[in-house]
Amino acid sequence: MSDLHDDDLETEALRLADEARRPKRRVRPRLARALSRGEDVEVDTPHGPVMAWRLGVGPATLLIHGWEDDNALWSPLIDACEQLGRAVVAFDLPGHGWSPSEAHSVEAAGEAALAVARALGPIDSVVGHSFGCGVTVYALAHGLEVSRAVLIASPVPRTKPYERFTEKWIQEQIDDGEDPEVVARAAEILRERLNDPAEPGYSAEADMPRMTAKALILHSIDDEACPVGNSEAMAGLWPDSDLVLTDELGHRLIAQDAAVVRRVIDFVEGF
């Protein structure tokens, strides 16, 4: 039984719910090794500056990582592109990695992607992973012009209720010293917000039917974070798209698997 009065409990639960929706930064930001050989630029965006890197010359592939990740996700893809002479542009999303900005919405991330593309272009293709898929769609719908887009392990369109705030998350908060009743109420608030169609936020699926870039949609059947149905629904909405399913690569490894990296490069190269 909590010692907090009802009003205090609700206030604390709202505080914890708000904290849970903000990405947690790593204690030490990471940098893909190959990017140390490229150009690094702090790019101004409408929501604060972000750090970006360009490696190579000519039309580049823009890389957009996912939630609580960073540029290092793309190390295998960056290495492969460098070996083939394909330029890449990577950046840390607002609220992530080396980027000073604390904004963390899809809209803020999408505006950052647009600013990076303007600053470090030309850009001829884009690759997004997880949360970065929604960011990619936002950027394409708001002015990013590319001929090819790769969407990996997409959380949108959402085809099942979002289950991030499960018993595991609840136990983690309690282990960190939070009041169990506060945590339970915070979890209720988060579920209500995340699964409420009226909750303010960007709707990527509304823009998907208007996409003009050819898309390669990749998803591992055993993805523990985002159901494969999301990518299947995306393929049904995106006018010129190919869906490729794999297995045993989970949610993050799929972006670094050698065979997937090869397929991504062949696609953006137009093969």
C-alpha atoms as a PDB file:
ATOM      1  CA  MET A   1       0.000   0.000   0.000  1.00  0.00           C
ATOM      2  CA  SER A   2       1.425   3.368  -0.992  1.00  0.00           C
ATOM      3  CA  ASP A   3       1.861   6.144   1.577  1.00  0.00           C
ATOM      4  CA  LEU A   4       1.002   8.722  -1.084  1.00  0.00           C
ATOM      5  CA  HIS A   5      -2.358  10.503  -1.156  1.00  0.00           C
ATOM      6  CA  ASP A   6      -4.401  10.058  -4.344  1.00  0.00           C
ATOM      7  CA  ASP A   7      -3.365  13.438  -5.782  1.00  0.00           C
ATOM      8  CA  ASP A   8       0.289  12.833  -5.014  1.00  0.00           C
ATOM      9  CA  LEU A   9       0.142   9.336  -6.469  1.00  0.00           C
ATOM     10  CA  GLU A  10      -1.349  10.685  -9.694  1.00  0.00           C
ATOM     11  CA  THR A  11       1.284  13.416  -9.882  1.00  0.00           C
ATOM     12  CA  GLU A  12       4.106  10.926  -9.393  1.00  0.00           C
ATOM     13  CA  ALA A  13       2.565   8.518 -11.896  1.00  0.00           C
ATOM     14  CA  LEU A  14       2.339  11.281 -14.506  1.00  0.00           C
ATOM     15  CA  ARG A  15       5.976  12.200 -13.806  1.00  0.00           C
ATOM     16  CA  LEU A  16       7.106   8.595 -14.304  1.00  0.00           C
ATOM     17  CA  ALA A  17       4.958   8.227 -17.432  1.00  0.00           C
ATOM     18  CA  ASP A  18       6.499  11.337 -18.951  1.00  0.00           C
ATOM     19  CA  GLU A  19      10.017  10.115 -18.129  1.00  0.00           C
ATOM     20  CA  ALA A  20       9.278   6.735 -19.705  1.00  0.00           C
ATOM     21  CA  ARG A  21       8.405   8.362 -23.013  1.00  0.00           C
ATOM     22  CA  ARG A  22      11.774  10.102 -23.241  1.00  0.00           C
ATOM     23  CA  PRO A  23      14.713   8.179 -24.711  1.00  0.00           C
ATOM     24  CA  LYS A  24      17.546   7.263 -22.375  1.00  0.00           C
ATOM     25  CA  ARG A  25      20.942   8.335 -23.604  1.00  0.00           C
ATOM     26  CA  ARG A  26      23.989   6.115 -23.285  1.00  0.00           C
ATOM     27  CA  VAL A  27      26.482   7.278 -20.691  1.00  0.00           C
ATOM     28  CA  ARG A  28      29.145   7.368 -23.402  1.00  0.00           C
ATOM     29  CA  PRO A  29      28.017   8.261 -26.937  1.00  0.00           C
ATOM     30  CA  ARG A  30      29.273   5.954 -29.686  1.00  0.00           C
ATOM     31  CA  LEU A  31      30.613   6.629 -33.151  1.00  0.00           C
ATOM     32  CA  ALA A  32      30.759   4.158 -36.020  1.00  0.00           C
ATOM     33  CA  ARG A  33      34.490   3.710 -36.650  1.00  0.00           C
ATOM     34  CA  ALA A  34      34.327   4.574 -40.351  1.00  0.00           C
ATOM     35  CA  LEU A  35      32.607   7.891 -39.613  1.00  0.00           C
ATOM     36  CA  SER A  36      35.763   9.126 -37.879  1.00  0.00           C
ATOM     37  CA  ARG A  37      37.260   9.352 -41.380  1.00  0.00           C
ATOM     38  CA  GLY A  38      34.427  11.537 -42.650  1.00  0.00           C
ATOM     39  CA  GLU A  39      33.112  15.046 -42.134  1.00  0.00           C
ATOM     40  CA  ASP A  40      31.289  15.818 -38.885  1.00  0.00           C
ATOM     41  CA  VAL A  41      28.839  18.705 -38.697  1.00  0.00           C
ATOM     42  CA  GLU A  42      26.531  20.080 -36.025  1.00  0.00           C
ATOM     43  CA  VAL A  43      23.324  20.790 -37.939  1.00  0.00           C
ATOM     44  CA  ASP A  44      20.752  23.288 -36.703  1.00  0.00           C
ATOM     45  CA  THR A  45      17.136  22.077 -36.721  1.00  0.00           C
ATOM     46  CA  PRO A  46      13.852  23.686 -35.591  1.00  0.00           C
ATOM     47  CA  HIS A  47      14.171  21.703 -32.335  1.00  0.00           C
ATOM     48  CA  GLY A  48      17.853  22.234 -31.573  1.00  0.00           C
ATOM     49  CA  PRO A  49      21.144  21.015 -33.062  1.00  0.00           C
ATOM     50  CA  VAL A  50      22.005  17.440 -34.010  1.00  0.00           C
ATOM     51  CA  MET A  51      25.314  15.815 -34.871  1.00  0.00           C
ATOM     52  CA  ALA A  52      25.724  14.419 -38.386  1.00  0.00           C
ATOM     53  CA  TRP A  53      28.478  12.817 -40.431  1.00  0.00           C
ATOM     54  CA  ARG A  54      29.166  12.436 -44.166  1.00  0.00           C
ATOM     55  CA  LEU A  55      31.523   9.802 -45.511  1.00  0.00           C
ATOM     56  CA  GLY A  56      32.319   9.814 -49.235  1.00  0.00           C
ATOM     57  CA  VAL A  57      31.460  12.089 -52.133  1.00  0.00           C
ATOM     58  CA  GLY A  58      28.502  12.228 -54.491  1.00  0.00           C
ATOM     59  CA  PRO A  59      24.865  11.209 -53.922  1.00  0.00           C
ATOM     60  CA  ALA A  60      24.575   9.620 -50.481  1.00  0.00           C
ATOM     61  CA  THR A  61      22.336   7.244 -48.565  1.00  0.00           C
ATOM     62  CA  LEU A  62      20.808   8.884 -45.477  1.00  0.00           C
ATOM     63  CA  LEU A  63      20.737   6.537 -42.452  1.00  0.00           C
ATOM     64  CA  ILE A  64      18.096   6.995 -39.734  1.00  0.00           C
ATOM     65  CA  HIS A  65      18.464   4.867 -36.602  1.00  0.00           C
ATOM     66  CA  GLY A  66      15.772   3.900 -34.108  1.00  0.00           C
ATOM     67  CA  TRP A  67      14.690   4.659 -30.556  1.00  0.00           C
ATOM     68  CA  GLU A  68      17.482   4.686 -27.936  1.00  0.00           C
ATOM     69  CA  ASP A  69      20.010   3.764 -30.629  1.00  0.00           C
ATOM     70  CA  ASP A  70      22.564   5.853 -32.503  1.00  0.00           C
ATOM     71  CA  ASN A  71      24.760   6.062 -35.592  1.00  0.00           C
ATOM     72  CA  ALA A  72      26.718   2.974 -34.505  1.00  0.00           C
ATOM     73  CA  LEU A  73      23.786   0.758 -35.515  1.00  0.00           C
ATOM     74  CA  TRP A  74      24.856   1.297 -39.109  1.00  0.00           C
ATOM     75  CA  SER A  75      28.529   0.276 -38.740  1.00  0.00           C
ATOM     76  CA  PRO A  76      28.291  -2.821 -40.995  1.00  0.00           C
ATOM     77  CA  LEU A  77      26.285  -0.951 -43.647  1.00  0.00           C
ATOM     78  CA  ILE A  78      28.615   2.061 -43.528  1.00  0.00           C
ATOM     79  CA  ASP A  79      31.666  -0.192 -43.905  1.00  0.00           C
ATOM     80  CA  ALA A  80      30.112  -1.989 -46.880  1.00  0.00           C
ATOM     81  CA  CYS A  81      29.124   1.293 -48.546  1.00  0.00           C
ATOM     82  CA  GLU A  82      32.625   2.684 -48.079  1.00  0.00           C
ATOM     83  CA  GLN A  83      34.167  -0.394 -49.680  1.00  0.00           C
ATOM     84  CA  LEU A  84      31.918   0.067 -52.711  1.00  0.00           C
ATOM     85  CA  GLY A  85      32.442   3.812 -52.940  1.00  0.00           C
ATOM     86  CA  ARG A  86      28.875   4.732 -51.960  1.00  0.00           C
ATOM     87  CA  ALA A  87      28.610   7.872 -49.843  1.00  0.00           C
ATOM     88  CA  VAL A  88      26.611   7.802 -46.610  1.00  0.00           C
ATOM     89  CA  VAL A  89      25.179  10.442 -44.304  1.00  0.00           C
ATOM     90  CA  ALA A  90      24.380   9.433 -40.731  1.00  0.00           C
ATOM     91  CA  PHE A  91      23.170  11.417 -37.749  1.00  0.00           C
ATOM     92  CA  ASP A  92      22.077  10.916 -34.166  1.00  0.00           C
ATOM     93  CA  LEU A  93      18.389  11.640 -33.693  1.00  0.00           C
ATOM     94  CA  PRO A  94      17.385  14.456 -31.335  1.00  0.00           C
ATOM     95  CA  GLY A  95      17.560  13.163 -27.777  1.00  0.00           C
ATOM     96  CA  HIS A  96      20.103  10.506 -28.780  1.00  0.00           C
ATOM     97  CA  GLY A  97      23.844   9.969 -28.958  1.00  0.00           C
ATOM     98  CA  TRP A  98      25.952  13.046 -29.667  1.00  0.00           C
ATOM     99  CA  SER A  99      23.008  15.295 -30.586  1.00  0.00           C
ATOM    100  CA  PRO A 100      22.461  18.160 -28.096  1.00  0.00           C
ATOM    101  CA  SER A 101      18.753  18.522 -28.884  1.00  0.00           C
ATOM    102  CA  GLU A 102      16.439  16.920 -26.329  1.00  0.00           C
ATOM    103  CA  ALA A 103      13.378  16.767 -28.609  1.00  0.00           C
ATOM    104  CA  HIS A 104      12.186  13.213 -29.214  1.00  0.00           C
ATOM    105  CA  SER A 105       8.956  13.196 -31.231  1.00  0.00           C
ATOM    106  CA  VAL A 106       8.644  11.729 -34.715  1.00  0.00           C
ATOM    107  CA  GLU A 107       8.028  15.225 -36.004  1.00  0.00           C
ATOM    108  CA  ALA A 108      11.192  16.624 -34.377  1.00  0.00           C
ATOM    109  CA  ALA A 109      13.228  13.706 -35.680  1.00  0.00           C
ATOM    110  CA  GLY A 110      11.737  14.116 -39.150  1.00  0.00           C
ATOM    111  CA  GLU A 111      12.599  17.814 -39.210  1.00  0.00           C
ATOM    112  CA  ALA A 112      16.130  16.889 -38.145  1.00  0.00           C
ATOM    113  CA  ALA A 113      16.395  14.416 -41.025  1.00  0.00           C
ATOM    114  CA  LEU A 114      15.306  17.116 -43.456  1.00  0.00           C
ATOM    115  CA  ALA A 115      17.845  19.587 -42.037  1.00  0.00           C
ATOM    116  CA  VAL A 116      20.652  17.019 -42.248  1.00  0.00           C
ATOM    117  CA  ALA A 117      19.730  16.165 -45.847  1.00  0.00           C
ATOM    118  CA  ARG A 118      19.856  19.847 -46.780  1.00  0.00           C
ATOM    119  CA  ALA A 119      23.176  20.399 -45.012  1.00  0.00           C
ATOM    120  CA  LEU A 120      24.990  17.263 -46.186  1.00  0.00           C
ATOM    121  CA  GLY A 121      23.282  16.345 -49.458  1.00  0.00           C
ATOM    122  CA  PRO A 122      22.860  15.401 -52.181  1.00  0.00           C
ATOM    123  CA  ILE A 123      20.818  12.448 -50.891  1.00  0.00           C
ATOM    124  CA  ASP A 124      19.488   9.832 -53.318  1.00  0.00           C
ATOM    125  CA  SER A 125      18.232   7.145 -50.919  1.00  0.00           C
ATOM    126  CA  VAL A 126      17.280   6.649 -47.280  1.00  0.00           C
ATOM    127  CA  VAL A 127      17.390   3.710 -44.857  1.00  0.00           C
ATOM    128  CA  GLY A 128      15.415   3.713 -41.614  1.00  0.00           C
ATOM    129  CA  HIS A 129      15.285   1.210 -38.756  1.00  0.00           C
ATOM    130  CA  SER A 130      12.500   0.810 -36.179  1.00  0.00           C
ATOM    131  CA  PHE A 131      11.440   4.285 -34.917  1.00  0.00           C
ATOM    132  CA  GLY A 132      13.499   5.592 -37.818  1.00  0.00           C
ATOM    133  CA  CYS A 133      10.923   4.146 -40.228  1.00  0.00           C
ATOM    134  CA  GLY A 134       8.243   6.546 -39.028  1.00  0.00           C
ATOM    135  CA  VAL A 135      10.820   9.337 -39.159  1.00  0.00           C
ATOM    136  CA  THR A 136      11.656   8.337 -42.734  1.00  0.00           C
ATOM    137  CA  VAL A 137       8.017   8.479 -43.806  1.00  0.00           C
ATOM    138  CA  TYR A 138       7.615  11.887 -42.168  1.00  0.00           C
ATOM    139  CA  ALA A 139      10.698  13.244 -43.955  1.00  0.00           C
ATOM    140  CA  LEU A 140       9.556  11.867 -47.318  1.00  0.00           C
ATOM    141  CA  ALA A 141       6.102  13.363 -46.835  1.00  0.00           C
ATOM    142  CA  HIS A 142       7.588  16.766 -45.967  1.00  0.00           C
ATOM    143  CA  GLY A 143      10.120  17.337 -48.703  1.00  0.00           C
ATOM    144  CA  LEU A 144      12.874  14.719 -48.691  1.00  0.00           C
ATOM    145  CA  GLU A 145      13.233  13.647 -52.318  1.00  0.00           C
ATOM    146  CA  VAL A 146      14.843  10.256 -52.948  1.00  0.00           C
ATOM    147  CA  SER A 147      14.299   7.529 -55.492  1.00  0.00           C
ATOM    148  CA  ARG A 148      14.637   4.611 -53.073  1.00  0.00           C
ATOM    149  CA  ALA A 149      13.782   3.987 -49.417  1.00  0.00           C
ATOM    150  CA  VAL A 150      14.518   1.028 -47.152  1.00  0.00           C
ATOM    151  CA  LEU A 151      12.346   0.438 -44.075  1.00  0.00           C
ATOM    152  CA  ILE A 152      13.645  -2.139 -41.559  1.00  0.00           C
ATOM    153  CA  ALA A 153      11.679  -3.588 -38.610  1.00  0.00           C
ATOM    154  CA  SER A 154       8.991  -0.913 -38.745  1.00  0.00           C
ATOM    155  CA  PRO A 155       6.736  -0.140 -35.774  1.00  0.00           C
ATOM    156  CA  VAL A 156       4.216   1.510 -38.129  1.00  0.00           C
ATOM    157  CA  PRO A 157       1.488   1.033 -39.130  1.00  0.00           C
ATOM    158  CA  ARG A 158       0.810  -0.415 -35.683  1.00  0.00           C
ATOM    159  CA  THR A 159      -1.130  -3.656 -36.010  1.00  0.00           C
ATOM    160  CA  LYS A 160      -1.244  -4.659 -32.335  1.00  0.00           C
ATOM    161  CA  PRO A 161      -1.533  -2.702 -29.080  1.00  0.00           C
ATOM    162  CA  TYR A 162       1.867  -1.414 -28.033  1.00  0.00           C
ATOM    163  CA  GLU A 163       3.190  -3.610 -25.206  1.00  0.00           C
ATOM    164  CA  ARG A 164       6.398  -1.884 -24.159  1.00  0.00           C
ATOM    165  CA  PHE A 165       5.096  -1.170 -20.667  1.00  0.00           C
ATOM    166  CA  THR A 166       4.719  -4.788 -19.585  1.00  0.00           C
ATOM    167  CA  GLU A 167       5.341  -6.571 -16.312  1.00  0.00           C
ATOM    168  CA  LYS A 168       9.068  -6.517 -17.091  1.00  0.00           C
ATOM    169  CA  TRP A 169       9.062  -2.716 -17.328  1.00  0.00           C
ATOM    170  CA  ILE A 170       7.007  -2.463 -14.145  1.00  0.00           C
ATOM    171  CA  GLN A 171       9.462  -4.654 -12.252  1.00  0.00           C
ATOM    172  CA  GLU A 172      12.429  -2.657 -13.539  1.00  0.00           C
ATOM    173  CA  GLN A 173      10.917   0.551 -12.158  1.00  0.00           C
ATOM    174  CA  ILE A 174      10.232  -1.057  -8.791  1.00  0.00           C
ATOM    175  CA  ASP A 175      13.794  -2.386  -8.697  1.00  0.00           C
ATOM    176  CA  ASP A 176      14.956   1.198  -9.305  1.00  0.00           C
ATOM    177  CA  GLY A 177      13.115   2.298  -6.157  1.00  0.00           C
ATOM    178  CA  GLU A 178       9.805   3.561  -7.537  1.00  0.00           C
ATOM    179  CA  ASP A 179       6.627   3.074  -5.498  1.00  0.00           C
ATOM    180  CA  PRO A 180       4.793  -0.020  -6.870  1.00  0.00           C
ATOM    181  CA  GLU A 181       1.421   1.767  -6.923  1.00  0.00           C
ATOM    182  CA  VAL A 182       2.951   4.719  -8.769  1.00  0.00           C
ATOM    183  CA  VAL A 183       4.476   2.360 -11.320  1.00  0.00           C
ATOM    184  CA  ALA A 184       1.220   0.479 -11.835  1.00  0.00           C
ATOM    185  CA  ARG A 185      -0.684   3.731 -12.403  1.00  0.00           C
ATOM    186  CA  ALA A 186       2.058   5.050 -14.725  1.00  0.00           C
ATOM    187  CA  ALA A 187       1.781   1.882 -16.794  1.00  0.00           C
ATOM    188  CA  GLU A 188      -1.978   2.424 -17.105  1.00  0.00           C
ATOM    189  CA  ILE A 189      -1.440   6.010 -18.254  1.00  0.00           C
ATOM    190  CA  LEU A 190       1.139   4.946 -20.830  1.00  0.00           C
ATOM    191  CA  ARG A 191      -1.047   2.203 -22.263  1.00  0.00           C
ATOM    192  CA  GLU A 192      -3.959   4.631 -22.534  1.00  0.00           C
ATOM    193  CA  ARG A 193      -1.809   7.219 -24.334  1.00  0.00           C
ATOM    194  CA  LEU A 194      -0.063   4.837 -26.690  1.00  0.00           C
ATOM    195  CA  ASN A 195      -3.147   2.941 -27.767  1.00  0.00           C
ATOM    196  CA  ASP A 196      -5.553   5.877 -27.957  1.00  0.00           C
ATOM    197  CA  PRO A 197      -6.286   6.806 -31.605  1.00  0.00           C
ATOM    198  CA  ALA A 198      -7.102  10.326 -30.438  1.00  0.00           C
ATOM    199  CA  GLU A 199      -3.686  10.808 -28.812  1.00  0.00           C
ATOM    200  CA  PRO A 200      -1.846  13.635 -30.628  1.00  0.00           C
ATOM    201  CA  GLY A 201       1.017  12.473 -32.806  1.00  0.00           C
ATOM    202  CA  TYR A 202       2.150  11.849 -36.332  1.00  0.00           C
ATOM    203  CA  SER A 203       0.272   9.216 -38.343  1.00  0.00           C
ATOM    204  CA  ALA A 204       2.739   7.681 -40.781  1.00  0.00           C
ATOM    205  CA  GLU A 205       0.160   5.379 -42.329  1.00  0.00           C
ATOM    206  CA  ALA A 206      -1.829   8.368 -43.579  1.00  0.00           C
ATOM    207  CA  ASP A 207       1.156   9.433 -45.690  1.00  0.00           C
ATOM    208  CA  MET A 208       2.252   6.011 -46.952  1.00  0.00           C
ATOM    209  CA  PRO A 209      -0.166   5.845 -49.918  1.00  0.00           C
ATOM    210  CA  ARG A 210       1.352   9.120 -51.201  1.00  0.00           C
ATOM    211  CA  MET A 211       4.939   7.851 -51.266  1.00  0.00           C
ATOM    212  CA  THR A 212       6.686   8.103 -54.642  1.00  0.00           C
ATOM    213  CA  ALA A 213      10.026   6.473 -53.755  1.00  0.00           C
ATOM    214  CA  LYS A 214      10.395   2.774 -54.479  1.00  0.00           C
ATOM    215  CA  ALA A 215      10.558   0.959 -51.133  1.00  0.00           C
ATOM    216  CA  LEU A 216      12.249  -2.171 -49.837  1.00  0.00           C
ATOM    217  CA  ILE A 217      10.555  -3.284 -46.610  1.00  0.00           C
ATOM    218  CA  LEU A 218      12.483  -5.750 -44.438  1.00  0.00           C
ATOM    219  CA  HIS A 219      11.309  -7.546 -41.301  1.00  0.00           C
ATOM    220  CA  SER A 220      12.354 -10.600 -39.291  1.00  0.00           C
ATOM    221  CA  ILE A 221       9.463 -12.880 -38.399  1.00  0.00           C
ATOM    222  CA  ASP A 222      10.827 -13.361 -34.867  1.00  0.00           C
ATOM    223  CA  ASP A 223      11.031  -9.609 -34.155  1.00  0.00           C
ATOM    224  CA  GLU A 224      10.346  -9.312 -30.428  1.00  0.00           C
ATOM    225  CA  ALA A 225       9.700  -5.563 -30.452  1.00  0.00           C
ATOM    226  CA  CYS A 226       7.643  -4.857 -33.591  1.00  0.00           C
ATOM    227  CA  PRO A 227       5.259  -7.446 -35.069  1.00  0.00           C
ATOM    228  CA  VAL A 228       5.838  -8.463 -38.670  1.00  0.00           C
ATOM    229  CA  GLY A 229       2.249  -7.458 -39.413  1.00  0.00           C
ATOM    230  CA  ASN A 230       3.387  -3.832 -39.296  1.00  0.00           C
ATOM    231  CA  SER A 231       5.609  -4.249 -42.345  1.00  0.00           C
ATOM    232  CA  GLU A 232       2.985  -6.343 -44.097  1.00  0.00           C
ATOM    233  CA  ALA A 233       0.508  -3.499 -43.608  1.00  0.00           C
ATOM    234  CA  MET A 234       3.089  -0.983 -44.826  1.00  0.00           C
ATOM    235  CA  ALA A 235       3.648  -2.974 -48.002  1.00  0.00           C
ATOM    236  CA  GLY A 236      -0.089  -2.868 -48.619  1.00  0.00           C
ATOM    237  CA  LEU A 237      -0.163   0.920 -48.319  1.00  0.00           C
ATOM    238  CA  TRP A 238       3.072   1.885 -50.113  1.00  0.00           C
ATOM    239  CA  PRO A 239       2.406   2.079 -53.878  1.00  0.00           C
ATOM    240  CA  ASP A 240       5.769   0.783 -55.173  1.00  0.00           C
ATOM    241  CA  SER A 241       7.179  -1.531 -52.536  1.00  0.00           C
ATOM    242  CA  ASP A 242       8.666  -4.977 -52.056  1.00  0.00           C
ATOM    243  CA  LEU A 243       8.329  -6.853 -48.762  1.00  0.00           C
ATOM    244  CA  VAL A 244      11.127  -9.237 -47.781  1.00  0.00           C
ATOM    245  CA  LEU A 245      10.743 -11.368 -44.661  1.00  0.00           C
ATOM    246  CA  THR A 246      13.560 -13.172 -42.894  1.00  0.00           C
ATOM    247  CA  ASP A 247      13.808 -15.052 -39.599  1.00  0.00           C
ATOM    248  CA  GLU A 248      16.058 -15.465 -36.558  1.00  0.00           C
ATOM    249  CA  LEU A 249      17.395 -11.908 -36.815  1.00  0.00           C
ATOM    250  CA  GLY A 250      15.171 -10.288 -34.200  1.00  0.00           C
ATOM    251  CA  HIS A 251      14.622  -6.563 -34.066  1.00  0.00           C
ATOM    252  CA  ARG A 252      18.090  -5.002 -34.201  1.00  0.00           C
ATOM    253  CA  LEU A 253      20.385  -7.638 -35.704  1.00  0.00           C
ATOM    254  CA  ILE A 254      18.466  -7.497 -38.975  1.00  0.00           C
ATOM    255  CA  ALA A 255      19.973  -4.057 -39.641  1.00  0.00           C
ATOM    256  CA  GLN A 256      23.490  -5.481 -39.265  1.00  0.00           C
ATOM    257  CA  ASP A 257      23.182  -8.922 -40.851  1.00  0.00           C
ATOM    258  CA  ALA A 258      25.619  -9.391 -43.741  1.00  0.00           C
ATOM    259  CA  ALA A 259      22.998 -10.741 -46.155  1.00  0.00           C
ATOM    260  CA  VAL A 260      20.582  -7.932 -45.305  1.00  0.00           C
ATOM    261  CA  VAL A 261      23.322  -5.321 -45.712  1.00  0.00           C
ATOM    262  CA  ARG A 262      24.109  -6.739 -49.157  1.00  0.00           C
ATOM    263  CA  ARG A 263      20.435  -6.634 -50.139  1.00  0.00           C
ATOM    264  CA  VAL A 264      20.107  -3.031 -48.947  1.00  0.00           C
ATOM    265  CA  ILE A 265      23.142  -1.916 -50.953  1.00  0.00           C
ATOM    266  CA  ASP A 266      21.973  -3.722 -54.089  1.00  0.00           C
ATOM    267  CA  PHE A 267      18.601  -2.014 -53.722  1.00  0.00           C
ATOM    268  CA  VAL A 268      19.879   1.523 -53.252  1.00  0.00           C
ATOM    269  CA  GLU A 269      22.321   0.968 -56.121  1.00  0.00           C
ATOM    270  CA  GLY A 270      19.344   0.077 -58.337  1.00  0.00           C
ATOM    271  CA  PHE A 271      20.130  -3.593 -58.894  1.00  0.00           C
END
